[in-house]
Amino acid sequence: MQRISVPTFANLVAGGCAKVGVGTNDVRRSSRPAGLMRSLVTVLVALLCAAAQPLPTPVAIEIPSGGYVLHAQLYRPGGAGPFPTVIGLHGCGGLAGRSEPVLPRYRDWAQELVKDGKAVLLPDSYGSRGLGPQCRVKERRISGRRERVADIVAAQKWLTQQSWAMPDRVSLMGWASGASALLWAVRPQLPEHVLPDFRSAVAFYPDCRASSGLGWSARVPTLVLIGGMDDVYSPPACRQMIDGARGRSALTRIVVYPGAYHDFDRIDLPLHQVAGADAAAPERGHVGSDPDARADAQKLVSDWLAR
């Protein structure tokens, strides 16, 4: 029997994953078994190396904006870019936790987007102003229509000055009150926005009640994702808002997930009714994960941001 000399895993890994130099598309037909075996082994090592890459960690950013400094967390793929970039807008619970700069919901999405080749900038609208969670604050000092839109504009301006960011491929993505701010930021009537404009926008379970009564429309393609059982905000109001924008707006779409509740895209969050003691939770309603809705939303978001 003819012996086939094949590189061992030890030899390949000893050379470093970066030296493997192949991807999953590099297996080529070969009439020689040794060549085919080498290709298969090399591809397998390349896949193992990719899986072993550490998850991206955020970098603290300071963005001058008027009379204050907007603090943000930045996730970037490896390399010099330029990259498509997503500005992520946190909900009323804020961006950071007690011991972490980015809460798991936003970190998980940022890591998914980075794997897809996108950079993610997460402005901290509350922490930048010395504020904690604003979910149950009766007289809020931060308005989605004013301060949060100003933060969006400041973040976009900063991105246009970064050599690693593609200025014509900056998109918005928001959750809950951050998604509500997003709806204001994409309106045609916004007095100030940076050119080139946002590429697209994705709003997870926004409060559409005010927008639906104001003849809302969007100047950039906007996707709304909400659970059909969401009793924190109103799925019918979001559907009315999107239906009313047709014919006088940029492309808009709504997806309502039957049986899904508020926060459906979070990982491993048991469905429960919000408790009054949790200052970072909505004032009312139920929250909880829905794995099927989350998986579908991940695909829809990837497709929407690739437009």
Protein backbone atom coordinates (compact mmCIF):
# COMPACT_ATOMS: atom_id res chain seq x y z
CA MET A 1 0.00 0.00 0.00
CA GLN A 2 1.31 3.43 -0.93
CA ARG A 3 2.05 5.68 2.08
CA ILE A 4 0.54 9.12 1.97
CA SER A 5 2.48 11.85 3.74
CA VAL A 6 0.02 14.29 5.29
CA PRO A 7 0.83 17.29 7.49
CA THR A 8 -0.08 16.57 11.09
CA PHE A 9 -2.29 18.82 13.18
CA ALA A 10 0.66 19.54 15.44
CA ASN A 11 2.80 20.74 12.55
CA LEU A 12 0.04 22.92 11.15
CA VAL A 13 -0.95 24.47 14.45
CA ALA A 14 2.68 24.97 15.43
CA GLY A 15 3.00 27.20 12.38
CA GLY A 16 0.16 29.37 13.61
CA CYS A 17 -3.42 29.59 12.43
CA ALA A 18 -2.58 32.61 10.34
CA LYS A 19 -0.13 30.54 8.31
CA VAL A 20 -2.70 27.95 7.33
CA GLY A 21 -3.74 30.40 4.68
CA VAL A 22 -6.84 28.65 3.40
CA GLY A 23 -10.57 28.82 3.86
CA THR A 24 -13.45 26.49 3.32
CA ASN A 25 -13.45 27.26 -0.41
CA ASP A 26 -9.87 26.13 -0.92
CA VAL A 27 -10.47 22.39 -1.36
CA ARG A 28 -9.69 21.64 -4.97
CA ARG A 29 -10.08 18.45 -6.94
CA SER A 30 -6.91 16.41 -7.08
CA SER A 31 -6.12 13.18 -8.82
CA ARG A 32 -3.56 12.42 -6.14
CA PRO A 33 -4.86 11.17 -2.77
CA ALA A 34 -2.04 12.91 -0.91
CA GLY A 35 -3.03 16.29 -2.33
CA LEU A 36 -6.65 15.79 -1.42
CA MET A 37 -5.79 14.66 2.09
CA ARG A 38 -3.51 17.63 2.65
CA SER A 39 -6.28 19.98 1.52
CA LEU A 40 -8.86 18.36 3.78
CA VAL A 41 -6.61 18.41 6.82
CA THR A 42 -5.59 22.02 6.19
CA VAL A 43 -9.20 23.13 5.81
CA LEU A 44 -10.15 21.34 9.02
CA VAL A 45 -7.38 23.09 10.91
CA ALA A 46 -8.45 26.42 9.42
CA LEU A 47 -11.99 25.86 10.68
CA LEU A 48 -10.72 24.91 14.13
CA CYS A 49 -8.58 28.03 14.21
CA ALA A 50 -11.56 30.20 13.25
CA ALA A 51 -13.64 28.64 16.02
CA ALA A 52 -10.84 29.24 18.51
CA GLN A 53 -10.62 32.97 17.82
CA PRO A 54 -11.43 35.01 20.96
CA LEU A 55 -14.71 36.88 21.02
CA PRO A 56 -14.32 40.61 20.34
CA THR A 57 -14.09 42.89 23.35
CA PRO A 58 -15.30 46.50 23.37
CA VAL A 59 -13.07 49.56 23.33
CA ALA A 60 -14.16 52.67 25.24
CA ILE A 61 -14.67 55.70 22.98
CA GLU A 62 -15.23 59.37 23.81
CA ILE A 63 -17.10 61.52 21.29
CA PRO A 64 -17.24 65.31 21.82
CA SER A 65 -20.81 66.50 21.37
CA GLY A 66 -21.76 70.07 22.20
CA GLY A 67 -21.34 70.67 25.91
CA TYR A 68 -20.72 67.07 26.93
CA VAL A 69 -18.75 63.98 26.01
CA LEU A 70 -20.70 61.04 24.61
CA HIS A 71 -19.21 57.81 25.92
CA ALA A 72 -19.55 54.72 23.73
CA GLN A 73 -18.29 51.17 23.38
CA LEU A 74 -16.86 50.03 20.05
CA TYR A 75 -16.63 46.50 18.67
CA ARG A 76 -14.57 45.98 15.50
CA PRO A 77 -13.59 43.06 13.31
CA GLY A 78 -9.91 42.38 12.86
CA GLY A 79 -8.06 44.26 10.14
CA ALA A 80 -7.92 47.81 8.91
CA GLY A 81 -11.32 47.92 7.22
CA PRO A 82 -13.17 49.84 6.02
CA PHE A 83 -16.19 48.14 7.57
CA PRO A 84 -19.94 48.63 7.43
CA THR A 85 -20.92 49.94 10.86
CA VAL A 86 -23.99 49.68 13.06
CA ILE A 87 -24.89 52.27 15.70
CA GLY A 88 -26.67 50.31 18.45
CA LEU A 89 -29.14 52.12 20.71
CA HIS A 90 -29.77 50.72 24.19
CA GLY A 91 -33.14 50.52 25.91
CA CYS A 92 -34.33 52.26 29.08
CA GLY A 93 -32.20 50.01 31.30
CA GLY A 94 -29.03 51.60 29.91
CA LEU A 95 -26.00 50.17 28.15
CA ALA A 96 -23.82 49.02 31.04
CA GLY A 97 -24.28 46.71 34.02
CA ARG A 98 -22.81 46.99 37.49
CA SER A 99 -19.64 45.18 36.53
CA GLU A 100 -19.66 45.18 32.74
CA PRO A 101 -19.47 47.98 30.16
CA VAL A 102 -22.06 46.34 27.89
CA LEU A 103 -25.07 44.30 29.01
CA PRO A 104 -25.37 40.78 27.57
CA ARG A 105 -28.23 41.64 25.18
CA TYR A 106 -26.15 44.26 23.34
CA ARG A 107 -22.88 42.35 23.68
CA ASP A 108 -24.41 39.24 22.10
CA TRP A 109 -25.75 41.20 19.15
CA ALA A 110 -22.48 43.12 18.74
CA GLN A 111 -20.52 39.89 18.62
CA GLU A 112 -22.91 38.43 16.03
CA LEU A 113 -22.58 41.53 13.87
CA VAL A 114 -18.78 41.53 14.16
CA LYS A 115 -18.74 37.91 12.99
CA ASP A 116 -20.71 39.16 9.99
CA GLY A 117 -17.95 41.66 9.19
CA LYS A 118 -19.50 44.77 10.74
CA ALA A 119 -18.24 47.19 13.36
CA VAL A 120 -20.66 48.17 16.13
CA LEU A 121 -20.71 51.48 18.03
CA LEU A 122 -22.86 51.55 21.18
CA PRO A 123 -23.42 55.09 22.54
CA ASP A 124 -24.20 55.28 26.27
CA SER A 125 -26.82 58.00 26.40
CA TYR A 126 -27.49 57.64 30.13
CA GLY A 127 -24.02 56.96 31.51
CA SER A 128 -22.63 59.90 29.53
CA ARG A 129 -24.97 62.17 31.49
CA GLY A 130 -24.37 60.55 34.87
CA LEU A 131 -27.71 58.75 34.85
CA GLY A 132 -28.72 55.19 35.69
CA PRO A 133 -31.68 53.24 34.29
CA GLN A 134 -34.58 55.41 33.18
CA CYS A 135 -37.34 52.81 32.84
CA ARG A 136 -39.32 53.89 35.89
CA VAL A 137 -38.31 57.54 36.11
CA LYS A 138 -41.46 59.65 36.00
CA GLU A 139 -39.80 62.86 34.82
CA ARG A 140 -37.17 61.73 32.37
CA ARG A 141 -34.29 64.06 31.59
CA ILE A 142 -33.46 62.21 28.38
CA SER A 143 -35.89 62.45 25.47
CA GLY A 144 -35.78 59.99 22.60
CA ARG A 145 -36.83 62.77 20.27
CA ARG A 146 -34.12 65.23 21.37
CA GLU A 147 -31.13 64.02 23.38
CA ARG A 148 -31.03 60.50 21.99
CA VAL A 149 -31.36 61.71 18.42
CA ALA A 150 -28.54 64.19 19.15
CA ASP A 151 -26.41 61.24 20.31
CA ILE A 152 -27.19 59.38 17.10
CA VAL A 153 -26.11 62.35 15.01
CA ALA A 154 -22.92 62.79 17.08
CA ALA A 155 -22.06 59.10 16.69
CA GLN A 156 -22.63 59.25 12.94
CA LYS A 157 -20.45 62.37 12.58
CA TRP A 158 -17.67 60.65 14.51
CA LEU A 159 -17.87 57.57 12.30
CA THR A 160 -17.48 59.64 9.13
CA GLN A 161 -14.06 60.73 10.47
CA GLN A 162 -12.79 57.19 11.03
CA SER A 163 -10.72 55.60 8.27
CA TRP A 164 -11.90 52.09 9.22
CA ALA A 165 -15.61 52.94 8.81
CA MET A 166 -17.51 53.06 5.51
CA PRO A 167 -19.40 56.38 5.69
CA ASP A 168 -22.03 55.23 3.19
CA ARG A 169 -22.76 52.01 5.09
CA VAL A 170 -23.70 53.19 8.58
CA SER A 171 -26.94 51.66 9.85
CA LEU A 172 -29.03 52.03 13.00
CA MET A 173 -30.25 49.29 15.31
CA GLY A 174 -32.22 49.92 18.49
CA TRP A 175 -34.11 48.13 21.25
CA ALA A 176 -37.25 49.34 23.06
CA SER A 177 -36.76 53.04 23.93
CA GLY A 178 -33.61 53.03 21.77
CA ALA A 179 -35.74 51.75 18.89
CA SER A 180 -38.25 54.53 19.58
CA ALA A 181 -35.43 57.08 19.29
CA LEU A 182 -34.43 55.40 16.04
CA LEU A 183 -37.92 56.04 14.65
CA TRP A 184 -37.43 59.76 15.27
CA ALA A 185 -33.93 59.72 13.78
CA VAL A 186 -35.04 58.31 10.40
CA ARG A 187 -37.98 60.67 9.86
CA PRO A 188 -37.69 62.96 6.83
CA GLN A 189 -38.34 65.94 9.10
CA LEU A 190 -35.16 65.47 11.15
CA PRO A 191 -33.57 68.96 11.13
CA GLU A 192 -30.00 67.66 11.15
CA HIS A 193 -28.48 64.51 9.76
CA VAL A 194 -25.12 63.68 8.27
CA LEU A 195 -24.56 62.85 4.62
CA PRO A 196 -24.22 60.24 3.33
CA ASP A 197 -27.36 59.20 5.17
CA PHE A 198 -27.89 55.99 7.12
CA ARG A 199 -27.96 52.90 4.98
CA SER A 200 -30.83 51.22 6.85
CA ALA A 201 -32.41 50.83 10.28
CA VAL A 202 -33.72 47.98 12.45
CA ALA A 203 -36.05 48.66 15.40
CA PHE A 204 -36.70 45.92 17.99
CA TYR A 205 -40.05 46.36 19.79
CA PRO A 206 -40.28 50.17 19.75
CA ASP A 207 -43.06 52.23 21.30
CA CYS A 208 -44.91 53.16 18.10
CA ARG A 209 -47.90 54.85 19.72
CA ALA A 210 -46.69 58.43 19.28
CA SER A 211 -45.27 57.85 15.80
CA SER A 212 -48.40 56.09 14.51
CA GLY A 213 -50.50 59.14 15.40
CA LEU A 214 -48.13 61.61 13.72
CA GLY A 215 -48.10 60.27 10.18
CA TRP A 216 -44.68 58.69 10.59
CA SER A 217 -42.54 57.87 7.56
CA ALA A 218 -38.86 57.08 7.02
CA ARG A 219 -36.20 58.42 4.69
CA VAL A 220 -34.14 55.19 4.91
CA PRO A 221 -35.23 51.51 4.73
CA THR A 222 -36.56 50.61 8.18
CA LEU A 223 -37.43 47.19 9.62
CA VAL A 224 -39.57 46.80 12.77
CA LEU A 225 -39.47 43.52 14.71
CA ILE A 226 -41.91 42.94 17.58
CA GLY A 227 -43.60 40.07 19.39
CA GLY A 228 -47.30 39.55 18.84
CA MET A 229 -47.78 39.13 22.60
CA ASP A 230 -45.76 42.24 23.53
CA ASP A 231 -47.70 43.87 26.36
CA VAL A 232 -45.02 46.44 27.15
CA TYR A 233 -45.63 48.33 23.93
CA SER A 234 -48.24 47.92 21.21
CA PRO A 235 -47.81 45.65 18.15
CA PRO A 236 -51.06 47.04 16.60
CA ALA A 237 -49.67 50.59 16.86
CA CYS A 238 -46.48 49.50 15.08
CA ARG A 239 -48.45 47.82 12.33
CA GLN A 240 -50.60 50.93 11.93
CA MET A 241 -47.47 53.09 11.76
CA ILE A 242 -45.88 50.94 9.03
CA ASP A 243 -49.12 50.58 7.06
CA GLY A 244 -49.59 54.35 7.16
CA ALA A 245 -46.11 54.97 5.77
CA ARG A 246 -46.62 52.97 2.60
CA GLY A 247 -46.59 55.04 -0.57
CA ARG A 248 -44.89 58.08 0.98
CA SER A 249 -41.82 56.62 2.61
CA ALA A 250 -38.63 54.73 2.01
CA LEU A 251 -38.98 50.98 2.22
CA THR A 252 -40.53 49.92 5.52
CA ARG A 253 -41.42 46.47 6.82
CA ILE A 254 -42.82 45.03 10.03
CA VAL A 255 -42.49 41.45 11.27
CA VAL A 256 -44.75 40.42 14.17
CA TYR A 257 -43.78 37.14 15.83
CA PRO A 258 -46.90 35.31 17.09
CA GLY A 259 -46.49 34.12 20.66
CA ALA A 260 -43.34 36.18 21.30
CA TYR A 261 -43.10 38.77 24.06
CA HIS A 262 -40.99 41.85 24.75
CA ASP A 263 -37.23 41.14 24.78
CA PHE A 264 -37.78 38.03 22.63
CA ASP A 265 -34.25 38.32 21.19
CA ARG A 266 -32.48 37.96 24.53
CA ILE A 267 -30.73 34.67 25.29
CA ASP A 268 -31.98 32.42 28.10
CA LEU A 269 -34.40 34.88 29.68
CA PRO A 270 -37.32 32.92 31.17
CA LEU A 271 -40.71 34.46 30.42
CA HIS A 272 -41.93 36.41 33.44
CA GLN A 273 -43.92 39.44 34.43
CA VAL A 274 -41.73 42.41 35.24
CA ALA A 275 -41.31 43.15 38.93
CA GLY A 276 -41.71 46.57 40.45
CA ALA A 277 -38.37 46.30 42.23
CA ASP A 278 -36.34 46.08 39.02
CA ALA A 279 -35.39 49.64 38.07
CA ALA A 280 -33.89 48.45 34.76
CA ALA A 281 -37.09 46.70 33.60
CA PRO A 282 -40.16 48.17 31.87
CA GLU A 283 -42.94 49.45 34.10
CA ARG A 284 -45.38 46.75 33.06
CA GLY A 285 -45.88 43.66 30.97
CA HIS A 286 -43.97 40.44 30.36
CA VAL A 287 -40.45 39.84 29.05
CA GLY A 288 -38.78 36.67 27.88
CA SER A 289 -36.75 34.88 25.24
CA ASP A 290 -38.19 33.23 22.16
CA PRO A 291 -35.43 31.17 20.48
CA ASP A 292 -37.34 30.70 17.22
CA ALA A 293 -38.13 34.40 16.89
CA ARG A 294 -34.54 35.30 17.78
CA ALA A 295 -33.13 32.95 15.14
CA ASP A 296 -35.43 34.36 12.48
CA ALA A 297 -34.62 37.92 13.56
CA GLN A 298 -30.89 37.23 13.24
CA LYS A 299 -31.34 36.17 9.64
CA LEU A 300 -33.64 39.08 8.82
CA VAL A 301 -31.24 41.58 10.40
CA SER A 302 -28.29 40.17 8.46
CA ASP A 303 -30.23 40.38 5.19
CA TRP A 304 -31.58 43.86 5.94
CA LEU A 305 -28.16 45.32 6.81
CA ALA A 306 -26.65 43.78 3.68
CA ARG A 307 -28.95 45.78 1.41
